[in-house]
Amino acid sequence: MLVLTRKPGQRILIGDDVEVQVLSVSGEKIRLGITAPRDVSIFRNEVLELQVAEARPSAKPGPRT
C-alpha cells in the first residue's frame, strides 16, 4: 500500500487517466474528487461489499424429506 500525505487542492495520478484530488479536510472527514474515464468503475468499498453479499445465494437449508 502506498501512503501519501496531501493537502486540499493537491492531486495524485493513477495510471494515465485517473486523477484523485483532495477537495477538503474537516476533522476526520476527507472529501475526494475522482476524475476517470466512463469505462472505469468507481465504488465505495462498503457499497461494493453489500452488493456482493446480496448477490450470494442464501445459506438457508432446504426442507428435509
C-alpha atoms as a PDB file:
ATOM      1  CA  MET A   1       0.000   0.000   0.000  1.00  0.00           C
ATOM      2  CA  LEU A   2       1.271   3.420  -0.935  1.00  0.00           C
ATOM      3  CA  VAL A   3       0.564   6.030   1.752  1.00  0.00           C
ATOM      4  CA  LEU A   4       0.631   9.685   0.741  1.00  0.00           C
ATOM      5  CA  THR A   5       0.118  12.936   2.587  1.00  0.00           C
ATOM      6  CA  ARG A   6      -1.739  15.534   0.534  1.00  0.00           C
ATOM      7  CA  LYS A   7      -3.239  18.934   1.283  1.00  0.00           C
ATOM      8  CA  PRO A   8      -6.536  20.261  -0.066  1.00  0.00           C
ATOM      9  CA  GLY A   9      -6.176  21.089  -3.739  1.00  0.00           C
ATOM     10  CA  GLN A  10      -3.345  18.631  -4.288  1.00  0.00           C
ATOM     11  CA  ARG A  11      -3.786  15.722  -6.675  1.00  0.00           C
ATOM     12  CA  ILE A  12      -2.405  12.282  -7.401  1.00  0.00           C
ATOM     13  CA  LEU A  13      -2.497  10.423 -10.702  1.00  0.00           C
ATOM     14  CA  ILE A  14      -3.200   6.721 -11.090  1.00  0.00           C
ATOM     15  CA  GLY A  15      -2.062   5.487 -14.463  1.00  0.00           C
ATOM     16  CA  ASP A  16      -2.521   7.866 -17.350  1.00  0.00           C
ATOM     17  CA  ASP A  17      -6.167   8.751 -16.914  1.00  0.00           C
ATOM     18  CA  VAL A  18      -7.318   8.595 -13.277  1.00  0.00           C
ATOM     19  CA  GLU A  19      -6.843  11.641 -11.069  1.00  0.00           C
ATOM     20  CA  VAL A  20      -7.713  11.945  -7.374  1.00  0.00           C
ATOM     21  CA  GLN A  21      -7.902  15.407  -5.816  1.00  0.00           C
ATOM     22  CA  VAL A  22      -8.241  16.268  -2.138  1.00  0.00           C
ATOM     23  CA  LEU A  23     -11.152  18.714  -2.082  1.00  0.00           C
ATOM     24  CA  SER A  24     -11.344  19.399   1.638  1.00  0.00           C
ATOM     25  CA  VAL A  25     -10.412  18.100   5.066  1.00  0.00           C
ATOM     26  CA  SER A  26     -12.708  18.690   8.038  1.00  0.00           C
ATOM     27  CA  GLY A  27     -11.913  16.827  11.246  1.00  0.00           C
ATOM     28  CA  GLU A  28     -11.888  13.139  10.380  1.00  0.00           C
ATOM     29  CA  LYS A  29     -13.681  13.628   7.045  1.00  0.00           C
ATOM     30  CA  ILE A  30     -11.858  13.971   3.760  1.00  0.00           C
ATOM     31  CA  ARG A  31     -13.652  14.899   0.530  1.00  0.00           C
ATOM     32  CA  LEU A  32     -12.063  13.467  -2.591  1.00  0.00           C
ATOM     33  CA  GLY A  33     -12.783  14.224  -6.222  1.00  0.00           C
ATOM     34  CA  ILE A  34     -12.055  11.495  -8.755  1.00  0.00           C
ATOM     35  CA  THR A  35     -11.724  12.088 -12.490  1.00  0.00           C
ATOM     36  CA  ALA A  36     -11.686   8.935 -14.590  1.00  0.00           C
ATOM     37  CA  PRO A  37     -12.925   7.676 -17.953  1.00  0.00           C
ATOM     38  CA  ARG A  38     -16.532   6.487 -18.026  1.00  0.00           C
ATOM     39  CA  ASP A  39     -15.427   2.881 -18.540  1.00  0.00           C
ATOM     40  CA  VAL A  40     -13.640   2.866 -15.155  1.00  0.00           C
ATOM     41  CA  SER A  41     -15.937   1.763 -12.329  1.00  0.00           C
ATOM     42  CA  ILE A  42     -15.555   3.579  -9.010  1.00  0.00           C
ATOM     43  CA  PHE A  43     -17.236   2.148  -5.910  1.00  0.00           C
ATOM     44  CA  ARG A  44     -17.124   2.882  -2.213  1.00  0.00           C
ATOM     45  CA  ASN A  45     -15.861  -0.335  -0.587  1.00  0.00           C
ATOM     46  CA  GLU A  46     -18.824  -0.677   1.792  1.00  0.00           C
ATOM     47  CA  VAL A  47     -21.296  -0.413  -1.112  1.00  0.00           C
ATOM     48  CA  LEU A  48     -19.420  -2.996  -3.166  1.00  0.00           C
ATOM     49  CA  GLU A  49     -19.277  -5.403  -0.198  1.00  0.00           C
ATOM     50  CA  LEU A  50     -23.044  -5.014   0.287  1.00  0.00           C
ATOM     51  CA  GLN A  51     -23.697  -5.734  -3.396  1.00  0.00           C
ATOM     52  CA  VAL A  52     -21.503  -8.833  -3.264  1.00  0.00           C
ATOM     53  CA  ALA A  53     -23.225 -10.065  -0.084  1.00  0.00           C
ATOM     54  CA  GLU A  54     -26.682  -9.545  -1.619  1.00  0.00           C
ATOM     55  CA  ALA A  55     -25.679 -11.420  -4.779  1.00  0.00           C
ATOM     56  CA  ARG A  56     -24.640 -14.543  -2.858  1.00  0.00           C
ATOM     57  CA  PRO A  57     -27.246 -17.278  -2.664  1.00  0.00           C
ATOM     58  CA  SER A  58     -28.816 -17.600   0.746  1.00  0.00           C
ATOM     59  CA  ALA A  59     -27.293 -20.227   3.024  1.00  0.00           C
ATOM     60  CA  LYS A  60     -30.720 -21.309   4.288  1.00  0.00           C
ATOM     61  CA  PRO A  61     -31.143 -25.076   4.389  1.00  0.00           C
ATOM     62  CA  GLY A  62     -33.884 -26.532   2.206  1.00  0.00           C
ATOM     63  CA  PRO A  63     -36.784 -28.605   3.506  1.00  0.00           C
ATOM     64  CA  ARG A  64     -35.927 -32.061   4.760  1.00  0.00           C
ATOM     65  CA  THR A  65     -37.536 -35.038   3.074  1.00  0.00           C
END
